[in-house]
Amino acid sequence: MRIPASRCFYRHFQPLPLSLCGSLVLQKSTIVPIPKKNKITCLNDWRPVALTPIFSKCFERLVRDYICSVLPVSLDPLQFAYRSNRSTDDAIAFTLHTALSHLENKNTYVRMLFVDYSSAFNTIVPATLVAKLQTLGLNRSLCSWILDFLTGRSQVVRMGKNTSSPLTLNTGAPQGCVLSPLLYSLYTHDCTATHSSNVIIKFADDTTVIGLITDNDETAYREEVSTLTKWCQDNHLSLNIDKTKELVVDFRRQSREHTPITIDKTPVERVSSFKFLGVNISEDLTWSTHTDAVLKKAHQRLFFLRRLRKFGMSPSILRSFYTCTIESILTGCITAWFGNSTAGNRKALKRVVRTASHIVGGELPSLQDIYTRRCIRKSRRIISDSSHPSHRLLSLLPSGRRLRSIRSRTSRLRDSFFPQAIRLMNSLN
């Protein structure tokens, strides 16, 4: 009988000397700055990625698997990162459904605050993290090891052929380590909405506050933002107000001025569209902005597909290149936006696939087929996972054969992911 790696780790974990695991190999790292932008103007335009030894990464995977196996089921379900059966598709679909369902009611609108943190991973306080891990029921020895792992870390910065002198750090979780994303999500597990009319959705350090406003009463939403600001101060996380943006979705016929939200007496910029987890969301909840960006990237890569054909590459290589570099762009988070895209948007996307088919010399999967297949696959996974935040939306009728339909007054909600998925699943029965 094969014993899971996490169980083997737990069996040998307690007698393992903490100092041996931490100081010899696991705490050493080399920081390589990676540019965030094409044009570098300041130090914040670099992302400090930590290169760690292979042994360290293997050992961290064992620790990560064990931590995930003992986490309580009651952990914040709206943290969509680093959990099984969760993805950016789920986070986007849940966000859109929350907004669209609320907008079905009269005299309502939605405010979305996309929060940005300054060096979120680097500002984690290990002692505060360990205290939170203990409240989650993690083993005391494991918590002590994590504290030892994050403190007294020796690192150097390498840029080209130049290497800095070593520096010892006692705060933060290095970007690039296997454990860091999970530790950050556990560090922020208690950042949840305090009002029933608000929703806080998280994907790692991407935090979105959704205010469901009715009858122009924004009291709960503004209190939620103030509470989040206070929580950040208590947990030593710094809000980047310049990169924090707000999107207001208001379909009421009588237009009204929306007073800007303020953080530390600084007004947050309101935008007409925002790139949320790789998808461009517009204030009118249409997808022209997103499809235009997708088409631009796809056309750039069609050039390379043509060059490969000119060089005499075989059809199988051309097909593989298309799947990896073009289809992956066209179908990114497709379940969240394709159903609501216009006929013009779909026609432009189909044209790219048709052009690629001509270059490859064979038929390629249509976007509609990919969308249908992925909707059905995702629906089945959500139905089989009772802990999924969207599980209640895909509930069976008393007969146990068909899913309960979601009532909708507008085509915006009717063509979104969950109603579409329910219709597709019911059509299979």
Foldseek 3Di string as FASTA:
>chain_A
DDDDLLVVCVVPPVVDDLCVLAVPFQQEWEWEWDACDPDDDDPLRTDTATDGDPVNQVVLVSLLVNLLVLFDLPFDLLAQAPHPLGDLLLNLQVVLLLQQVLVLDPQKKKKKKWWDWRQLQQQFQLVLLLVLSVVRPDDPSSSVSSQSNQFQGWYWYDDPPDIDDIDGHNGGDHHNHPCSQVSQCSSCRPLAQPDPQWGWHHHRRTIMIMGIDHPNDCPSVLVSVVVNLVVCVVRRIGIDQQPIEMAMADPDPDDDDDDFRDDPNHGHHYDQWDQDSNAIAGSPRERPVRLVVLLVQLVVVVVVLLVCVVVPDALVVSVVSCVVRNVCSVCPSVLFHVLRYDPVSLVSSVVSQVSSCVSSVHHDDRSVVVNLVVLQVSLVSLCVDPSNPCNVLQDCDPVRQATDADDGDDVSNCRGNSNVSRVSSNVVD
